[in-house]
Amino acid sequence: MNQTIAIGSDHAGFALKESLVETLTQLGYAPLDLGTNGPDSVDYPDFAHAMAGALGAGKADKGVLICGSGIGISMAANRHPDVRAALVHDALGARMCRQHNDANVIVFGGRMIGIEVARDCLEIFLKTEFEGGRHQRRIDKITPA
């Protein structure tokens, strides 16, 4: 497999990030840890920007972002043209964001989702292919030329 998956979080997502780094390794992916590296307060936009940089530079194939609710880091990440980030709460969302929206970043709320659900969603996200077809024209409309 050997796909590189970038992962980053703020302080509220740190514990979940650490668990998901282990999950990525167990699934055979190469995690690229963008931080944060501890529970001290940091600003979530910094990690969204780092994710966009990693994807734009080709250092990662897909990404995972985590903040307390998942909302703020999603908003910051989606300001970048190389990111299609989807805040996910369940398996159906993880599948649909790939099949229909070609999301390249899955986002979790560290204070909103349990570890087992997050692991399940992550695995589904990474294994689900984009369907293309009618969905491609919609993606084209949100992707800068």
N, C-alpha and C. Protein backbone atom coordinates (compact mmCIF):
# COMPACT_ATOMS: atom_id res chain seq x y z
N MET A 1 0.84 -1.19 0.00
CA MET A 1 0.00 0.00 0.00
C MET A 1 0.89 1.25 0.00
N ASN A 2 1.56 1.53 1.08
CA ASN A 2 2.55 2.61 1.20
C ASN A 2 2.04 4.00 0.86
N GLN A 3 0.74 4.24 0.93
CA GLN A 3 0.24 5.59 0.77
C GLN A 3 0.59 6.39 2.02
N THR A 4 0.96 7.65 1.80
CA THR A 4 1.23 8.54 2.92
C THR A 4 -0.04 9.29 3.26
N ILE A 5 -0.42 9.25 4.52
CA ILE A 5 -1.61 9.94 5.01
C ILE A 5 -1.16 10.98 6.03
N ALA A 6 -1.35 12.26 5.71
CA ALA A 6 -1.02 13.32 6.65
C ALA A 6 -2.09 13.39 7.73
N ILE A 7 -1.67 13.70 8.94
CA ILE A 7 -2.61 13.80 10.06
C ILE A 7 -2.19 14.95 10.96
N GLY A 8 -3.17 15.76 11.34
CA GLY A 8 -2.87 16.89 12.20
C GLY A 8 -4.06 17.23 13.08
N SER A 9 -3.77 17.86 14.20
CA SER A 9 -4.83 18.23 15.14
C SER A 9 -4.39 19.41 15.98
N ASP A 10 -5.38 20.03 16.60
CA ASP A 10 -5.07 20.98 17.65
C ASP A 10 -5.05 20.22 18.98
N HIS A 11 -4.96 20.95 20.07
CA HIS A 11 -4.88 20.32 21.40
C HIS A 11 -6.10 19.48 21.73
N ALA A 12 -7.29 19.90 21.29
CA ALA A 12 -8.51 19.17 21.60
C ALA A 12 -8.61 17.85 20.84
N GLY A 13 -7.86 17.73 19.77
CA GLY A 13 -7.85 16.50 18.99
C GLY A 13 -6.61 15.65 19.18
N PHE A 14 -5.70 16.11 20.04
CA PHE A 14 -4.41 15.43 20.20
C PHE A 14 -4.54 13.96 20.57
N ALA A 15 -5.34 13.63 21.56
CA ALA A 15 -5.45 12.22 21.99
C ALA A 15 -5.99 11.34 20.87
N LEU A 16 -7.01 11.82 20.16
CA LEU A 16 -7.55 11.04 19.04
C LEU A 16 -6.52 10.92 17.93
N LYS A 17 -5.80 11.98 17.66
CA LYS A 17 -4.76 11.94 16.62
C LYS A 17 -3.73 10.86 16.94
N GLU A 18 -3.29 10.80 18.18
CA GLU A 18 -2.29 9.81 18.56
C GLU A 18 -2.81 8.39 18.32
N SER A 19 -4.06 8.15 18.65
CA SER A 19 -4.66 6.83 18.42
C SER A 19 -4.77 6.52 16.93
N LEU A 20 -5.15 7.52 16.14
CA LEU A 20 -5.32 7.29 14.70
C LEU A 20 -3.99 7.13 13.97
N VAL A 21 -2.93 7.72 14.49
CA VAL A 21 -1.59 7.46 13.92
C VAL A 21 -1.28 5.98 14.03
N GLU A 22 -1.56 5.40 15.19
CA GLU A 22 -1.36 3.95 15.38
C GLU A 22 -2.24 3.14 14.42
N THR A 23 -3.48 3.56 14.25
CA THR A 23 -4.40 2.87 13.34
C THR A 23 -3.87 2.91 11.92
N LEU A 24 -3.40 4.06 11.48
CA LEU A 24 -2.86 4.17 10.12
C LEU A 24 -1.69 3.21 9.92
N THR A 25 -0.81 3.15 10.88
CA THR A 25 0.33 2.24 10.79
C THR A 25 -0.13 0.79 10.73
N GLN A 26 -1.09 0.43 11.57
CA GLN A 26 -1.61 -0.95 11.58
C GLN A 26 -2.27 -1.31 10.25
N LEU A 27 -2.87 -0.32 9.59
CA LEU A 27 -3.52 -0.57 8.30
C LEU A 27 -2.55 -0.57 7.13
N GLY A 28 -1.28 -0.29 7.39
CA GLY A 28 -0.26 -0.33 6.35
C GLY A 28 0.01 1.00 5.66
N TYR A 29 -0.49 2.08 6.22
CA TYR A 29 -0.23 3.41 5.66
C TYR A 29 0.97 4.04 6.36
N ALA A 30 1.55 5.03 5.70
CA ALA A 30 2.67 5.78 6.28
C ALA A 30 2.12 7.11 6.80
N PRO A 31 1.97 7.27 8.12
CA PRO A 31 1.45 8.54 8.64
C PRO A 31 2.50 9.65 8.57
N LEU A 32 2.07 10.82 8.16
CA LEU A 32 2.89 12.03 8.20
C LEU A 32 2.26 12.93 9.26
N ASP A 33 2.85 12.94 10.45
CA ASP A 33 2.29 13.65 11.60
C ASP A 33 2.65 15.14 11.50
N LEU A 34 1.63 15.97 11.34
CA LEU A 34 1.82 17.41 11.20
C LEU A 34 1.70 18.14 12.54
N GLY A 35 1.49 17.39 13.64
CA GLY A 35 1.34 17.99 14.95
C GLY A 35 -0.13 18.18 15.27
N THR A 36 -0.41 18.70 16.37
CA THR A 36 0.37 19.16 17.47
C THR A 36 0.96 17.97 18.23
N ASN A 37 1.91 18.25 19.06
CA ASN A 37 2.63 17.18 19.74
C ASN A 37 2.38 17.12 21.23
N GLY A 38 1.28 17.70 21.67
CA GLY A 38 0.95 17.67 23.09
C GLY A 38 -0.37 18.36 23.35
N PRO A 39 -0.82 18.36 24.59
CA PRO A 39 -2.13 18.91 24.93
C PRO A 39 -2.17 20.42 25.18
N ASP A 40 -1.04 21.11 25.02
CA ASP A 40 -1.04 22.56 25.25
C ASP A 40 -1.83 23.26 24.15
N SER A 41 -2.53 24.32 24.51
CA SER A 41 -3.40 25.05 23.59
C SER A 41 -2.63 25.57 22.37
N VAL A 42 -3.19 25.30 21.19
CA VAL A 42 -2.65 25.76 19.91
C VAL A 42 -3.83 26.20 19.05
N ASP A 43 -3.54 26.76 17.88
CA ASP A 43 -4.57 27.28 16.99
C ASP A 43 -4.82 26.32 15.83
N TYR A 44 -6.05 25.83 15.71
CA TYR A 44 -6.38 24.84 14.68
C TYR A 44 -6.10 25.29 13.25
N PRO A 45 -6.21 26.59 12.88
CA PRO A 45 -5.92 26.93 11.49
C PRO A 45 -4.49 26.58 11.07
N ASP A 46 -3.56 26.62 12.01
CA ASP A 46 -2.17 26.30 11.67
C ASP A 46 -2.05 24.88 11.12
N PHE A 47 -2.84 23.97 11.64
CA PHE A 47 -2.75 22.57 11.21
C PHE A 47 -3.53 22.33 9.92
N ALA A 48 -4.58 23.11 9.72
CA ALA A 48 -5.29 23.06 8.43
C ALA A 48 -4.38 23.56 7.33
N HIS A 49 -3.66 24.64 7.58
CA HIS A 49 -2.74 25.19 6.59
C HIS A 49 -1.60 24.20 6.31
N ALA A 50 -1.09 23.56 7.35
CA ALA A 50 -0.03 22.55 7.17
C ALA A 50 -0.54 21.39 6.32
N MET A 51 -1.78 20.98 6.52
CA MET A 51 -2.37 19.91 5.70
C MET A 51 -2.43 20.32 4.24
N ALA A 52 -2.91 21.52 3.99
CA ALA A 52 -2.99 22.00 2.61
C ALA A 52 -1.61 22.02 1.97
N GLY A 53 -0.61 22.43 2.73
CA GLY A 53 0.76 22.44 2.21
C GLY A 53 1.25 21.05 1.88
N ALA A 54 0.98 20.09 2.74
CA ALA A 54 1.42 18.71 2.52
C ALA A 54 0.74 18.11 1.29
N LEU A 55 -0.56 18.34 1.14
CA LEU A 55 -1.27 17.81 -0.02
C LEU A 55 -0.83 18.51 -1.30
N GLY A 56 -0.72 19.82 -1.25
CA GLY A 56 -0.32 20.59 -2.42
C GLY A 56 1.08 20.26 -2.92
N ALA A 57 1.96 19.93 -1.99
CA ALA A 57 3.35 19.59 -2.35
C ALA A 57 3.52 18.12 -2.71
N GLY A 58 2.43 17.36 -2.62
CA GLY A 58 2.51 15.93 -2.93
C GLY A 58 3.18 15.10 -1.87
N LYS A 59 3.27 15.62 -0.65
CA LYS A 59 3.89 14.87 0.45
C LYS A 59 2.94 13.84 1.05
N ALA A 60 1.64 13.97 0.75
CA ALA A 60 0.64 13.04 1.27
C ALA A 60 -0.43 12.81 0.21
N ASP A 61 -1.03 11.63 0.26
CA ASP A 61 -2.09 11.27 -0.68
C ASP A 61 -3.46 11.72 -0.20
N LYS A 62 -3.67 11.63 1.11
CA LYS A 62 -4.92 12.03 1.75
C LYS A 62 -4.56 12.54 3.14
N GLY A 63 -5.59 13.01 3.88
CA GLY A 63 -5.31 13.54 5.19
C GLY A 63 -6.42 13.34 6.20
N VAL A 64 -6.06 13.55 7.46
CA VAL A 64 -6.96 13.48 8.60
C VAL A 64 -6.72 14.73 9.44
N LEU A 65 -7.79 15.44 9.78
CA LEU A 65 -7.68 16.60 10.65
C LEU A 65 -8.65 16.45 11.82
N ILE A 66 -8.24 16.97 12.98
CA ILE A 66 -9.06 16.84 14.18
C ILE A 66 -8.93 18.12 15.01
N CYS A 67 -10.08 18.66 15.42
CA CYS A 67 -10.11 19.69 16.45
C CYS A 67 -11.23 19.30 17.40
N GLY A 68 -11.60 20.15 18.31
CA GLY A 68 -12.60 19.79 19.31
C GLY A 68 -13.92 19.34 18.71
N SER A 69 -14.49 20.18 17.84
CA SER A 69 -15.76 19.85 17.20
C SER A 69 -15.59 19.36 15.78
N GLY A 70 -14.46 19.65 15.17
CA GLY A 70 -14.23 19.35 13.76
C GLY A 70 -14.67 20.48 12.84
N ILE A 71 -15.43 21.40 13.37
CA ILE A 71 -16.00 22.46 12.54
C ILE A 71 -14.95 23.50 12.14
N GLY A 72 -14.25 24.04 13.10
CA GLY A 72 -13.29 25.10 12.80
C GLY A 72 -12.19 24.64 11.86
N ILE A 73 -11.63 23.47 12.12
CA ILE A 73 -10.53 22.99 11.29
C ILE A 73 -11.01 22.65 9.88
N SER A 74 -12.29 22.22 9.75
CA SER A 74 -12.88 21.98 8.43
C SER A 74 -12.97 23.29 7.65
N MET A 75 -13.46 24.32 8.32
CA MET A 75 -13.61 25.61 7.66
C MET A 75 -12.26 26.15 7.19
N ALA A 76 -11.26 26.04 8.05
CA ALA A 76 -9.93 26.53 7.69
C ALA A 76 -9.33 25.71 6.55
N ALA A 77 -9.49 24.41 6.60
CA ALA A 77 -8.90 23.54 5.57
C ALA A 77 -9.54 23.78 4.21
N ASN A 78 -10.85 23.95 4.18
CA ASN A 78 -11.55 24.09 2.91
C ASN A 78 -11.35 25.44 2.23
N ARG A 79 -10.62 26.32 2.85
CA ARG A 79 -10.25 27.58 2.20
C ARG A 79 -9.13 27.37 1.18
N HIS A 80 -8.51 26.21 1.22
CA HIS A 80 -7.38 25.92 0.34
C HIS A 80 -7.83 25.11 -0.88
N PRO A 81 -7.35 25.46 -2.06
CA PRO A 81 -7.80 24.77 -3.28
C PRO A 81 -7.40 23.30 -3.36
N ASP A 82 -6.39 22.87 -2.64
CA ASP A 82 -5.94 21.48 -2.69
C ASP A 82 -6.68 20.58 -1.70
N VAL A 83 -7.63 21.14 -0.97
CA VAL A 83 -8.31 20.39 0.10
C VAL A 83 -9.81 20.30 -0.18
N ARG A 84 -10.33 19.09 -0.02
CA ARG A 84 -11.76 18.85 0.04
C ARG A 84 -11.99 18.07 1.33
N ALA A 85 -12.21 18.81 2.40
CA ALA A 85 -12.31 18.21 3.74
C ALA A 85 -13.77 17.98 4.10
N ALA A 86 -14.03 16.81 4.67
CA ALA A 86 -15.39 16.44 5.08
C ALA A 86 -15.42 16.07 6.55
N LEU A 87 -16.24 16.78 7.31
CA LEU A 87 -16.45 16.47 8.72
C LEU A 87 -17.38 15.26 8.79
N VAL A 88 -16.91 14.20 9.42
CA VAL A 88 -17.62 12.92 9.41
C VAL A 88 -17.93 12.48 10.84
N HIS A 89 -19.13 11.90 11.01
CA HIS A 89 -19.55 11.41 12.32
C HIS A 89 -19.88 9.93 12.33
N ASP A 90 -19.99 9.33 11.13
CA ASP A 90 -20.39 7.93 11.06
C ASP A 90 -19.90 7.29 9.76
N ALA A 91 -20.11 5.97 9.66
CA ALA A 91 -19.61 5.20 8.52
C ALA A 91 -20.22 5.66 7.20
N LEU A 92 -21.50 5.98 7.19
CA LEU A 92 -22.14 6.42 5.95
C LEU A 92 -21.51 7.72 5.45
N GLY A 93 -21.28 8.65 6.35
CA GLY A 93 -20.61 9.89 5.97
C GLY A 93 -19.22 9.65 5.42
N ALA A 94 -18.49 8.74 6.03
CA ALA A 94 -17.13 8.41 5.57
C ALA A 94 -17.16 7.84 4.16
N ARG A 95 -18.13 7.00 3.88
CA ARG A 95 -18.26 6.38 2.55
C ARG A 95 -18.71 7.42 1.52
N MET A 96 -19.74 8.17 1.85
CA MET A 96 -20.31 9.11 0.89
C MET A 96 -19.37 10.26 0.54
N CYS A 97 -18.59 10.72 1.51
CA CYS A 97 -17.68 11.83 1.21
C CYS A 97 -16.62 11.43 0.20
N ARG A 98 -16.31 10.15 0.13
CA ARG A 98 -15.37 9.65 -0.88
C ARG A 98 -16.11 9.35 -2.19
N GLN A 99 -17.20 8.58 -2.11
CA GLN A 99 -17.91 8.15 -3.32
C GLN A 99 -18.44 9.33 -4.13
N HIS A 100 -19.06 10.29 -3.48
CA HIS A 100 -19.74 11.36 -4.19
C HIS A 100 -18.99 12.68 -4.22
N ASN A 101 -18.12 12.92 -3.24
CA ASN A 101 -17.47 14.22 -3.13
C ASN A 101 -15.97 14.19 -3.32
N ASP A 102 -15.41 13.01 -3.49
CA ASP A 102 -13.96 12.86 -3.67
C ASP A 102 -13.17 13.61 -2.60
N ALA A 103 -13.67 13.56 -1.36
CA ALA A 103 -12.96 14.21 -0.25
C ALA A 103 -11.56 13.62 -0.13
N ASN A 104 -10.59 14.47 0.10
CA ASN A 104 -9.22 13.98 0.31
C ASN A 104 -8.76 14.16 1.75
N VAL A 105 -9.61 14.76 2.58
CA VAL A 105 -9.32 14.92 4.00
C VAL A 105 -10.58 14.57 4.79
N ILE A 106 -10.43 13.68 5.75
CA ILE A 106 -11.52 13.36 6.67
C ILE A 106 -11.27 14.13 7.96
N VAL A 107 -12.34 14.68 8.51
CA VAL A 107 -12.23 15.51 9.70
C VAL A 107 -13.09 14.92 10.81
N PHE A 108 -12.55 14.94 12.01
CA PHE A 108 -13.26 14.45 13.19
C PHE A 108 -13.27 15.53 14.27
N GLY A 109 -14.30 15.50 15.09
CA GLY A 109 -14.35 16.30 16.30
C GLY A 109 -13.85 15.44 17.45
N GLY A 110 -12.71 15.78 17.99
CA GLY A 110 -12.11 14.99 19.05
C GLY A 110 -12.99 14.89 20.30
N ARG A 111 -13.85 15.89 20.49
CA ARG A 111 -14.75 15.88 21.64
C ARG A 111 -16.14 15.36 21.26
N MET A 112 -16.29 14.91 20.01
CA MET A 112 -17.61 14.56 19.50
C MET A 112 -17.76 13.10 19.08
N ILE A 113 -16.65 12.41 18.89
CA ILE A 113 -16.70 11.06 18.33
C ILE A 113 -15.86 10.12 19.18
N GLY A 114 -16.29 8.90 19.32
CA GLY A 114 -15.51 7.91 20.05
C GLY A 114 -14.42 7.31 19.18
N ILE A 115 -13.41 6.77 19.80
CA ILE A 115 -12.25 6.25 19.09
C ILE A 115 -12.63 5.11 18.14
N GLU A 116 -13.48 4.20 18.56
CA GLU A 116 -13.83 3.07 17.70
C GLU A 116 -14.60 3.52 16.46
N VAL A 117 -15.51 4.46 16.63
CA VAL A 117 -16.24 4.98 15.47
C VAL A 117 -15.27 5.72 14.55
N ALA A 118 -14.36 6.51 15.11
CA ALA A 118 -13.38 7.23 14.31
C ALA A 118 -12.49 6.26 13.53
N ARG A 119 -12.04 5.20 14.16
CA ARG A 119 -11.21 4.20 13.47
C ARG A 119 -11.97 3.57 12.31
N ASP A 120 -13.23 3.19 12.56
CA ASP A 120 -14.06 2.60 11.52
C ASP A 120 -14.24 3.57 10.35
N CYS A 121 -14.55 4.81 10.66
CA CYS A 121 -14.72 5.83 9.63
C CYS A 121 -13.44 6.05 8.83
N LEU A 122 -12.32 6.09 9.51
CA LEU A 122 -11.05 6.28 8.84
C LEU A 122 -10.77 5.15 7.86
N GLU A 123 -10.97 3.92 8.29
CA GLU A 123 -10.72 2.79 7.41
C GLU A 123 -11.64 2.81 6.20
N ILE A 124 -12.90 3.11 6.40
CA ILE A 124 -13.85 3.21 5.28
C ILE A 124 -13.43 4.32 4.33
N PHE A 125 -13.08 5.47 4.86
CA PHE A 125 -12.64 6.61 4.05
C PHE A 125 -11.46 6.22 3.17
N LEU A 126 -10.48 5.55 3.74
CA LEU A 126 -9.27 5.21 3.00
C LEU A 126 -9.49 4.13 1.95
N LYS A 127 -10.48 3.28 2.15
CA LYS A 127 -10.71 2.17 1.22
C LYS A 127 -11.78 2.46 0.17
N THR A 128 -12.48 3.56 0.29
CA THR A 128 -13.57 3.88 -0.63
C THR A 128 -13.05 4.72 -1.79
N GLU A 129 -13.45 4.33 -2.99
CA GLU A 129 -13.05 5.03 -4.21
C GLU A 129 -14.12 6.07 -4.60
N PHE A 130 -13.69 7.10 -5.28
CA PHE A 130 -14.58 8.09 -5.86
C PHE A 130 -15.29 7.47 -7.05
N GLU A 131 -16.61 7.65 -7.14
CA GLU A 131 -17.40 7.05 -8.21
C GLU A 131 -17.28 7.79 -9.54
N GLY A 132 -16.91 9.06 -9.51
CA GLY A 132 -16.82 9.82 -10.75
C GLY A 132 -18.19 10.02 -11.36
N GLY A 133 -18.27 9.88 -12.69
CA GLY A 133 -19.55 10.04 -13.38
C GLY A 133 -20.17 11.40 -13.12
N ARG A 134 -21.47 11.39 -12.80
CA ARG A 134 -22.19 12.65 -12.58
C ARG A 134 -21.60 13.46 -11.44
N HIS A 135 -20.91 12.78 -10.52
CA HIS A 135 -20.31 13.49 -9.39
C HIS A 135 -19.11 14.32 -9.81
N GLN A 136 -18.43 13.91 -10.87
CA GLN A 136 -17.23 14.64 -11.31
C GLN A 136 -17.56 16.07 -11.72
N ARG A 137 -18.66 16.27 -12.43
CA ARG A 137 -18.98 17.64 -12.87
C ARG A 137 -19.24 18.54 -11.66
N ARG A 138 -19.76 17.97 -10.59
CA ARG A 138 -20.01 18.76 -9.38
C ARG A 138 -18.69 19.11 -8.69
N ILE A 139 -17.79 18.16 -8.66
CA ILE A 139 -16.47 18.43 -8.09
C ILE A 139 -15.76 19.50 -8.91
N ASP A 140 -15.89 19.42 -10.24
CA ASP A 140 -15.28 20.41 -11.12
C ASP A 140 -15.78 21.82 -10.81
N LYS A 141 -17.03 21.93 -10.37
CA LYS A 141 -17.60 23.24 -10.08
C LYS A 141 -17.09 23.84 -8.76
N ILE A 142 -16.52 23.01 -7.89
CA ILE A 142 -15.98 23.54 -6.64
C ILE A 142 -14.46 23.57 -6.63
N THR A 143 -13.84 23.04 -7.69
CA THR A 143 -12.40 23.00 -7.78
C THR A 143 -11.90 24.16 -8.65
N PRO A 144 -11.01 24.98 -8.13
CA PRO A 144 -10.50 26.11 -8.94
C PRO A 144 -9.82 25.62 -10.21
N ALA A 145 -9.98 26.39 -11.27
CA ALA A 145 -9.36 26.03 -12.56
C ALA A 145 -7.88 26.22 -12.54
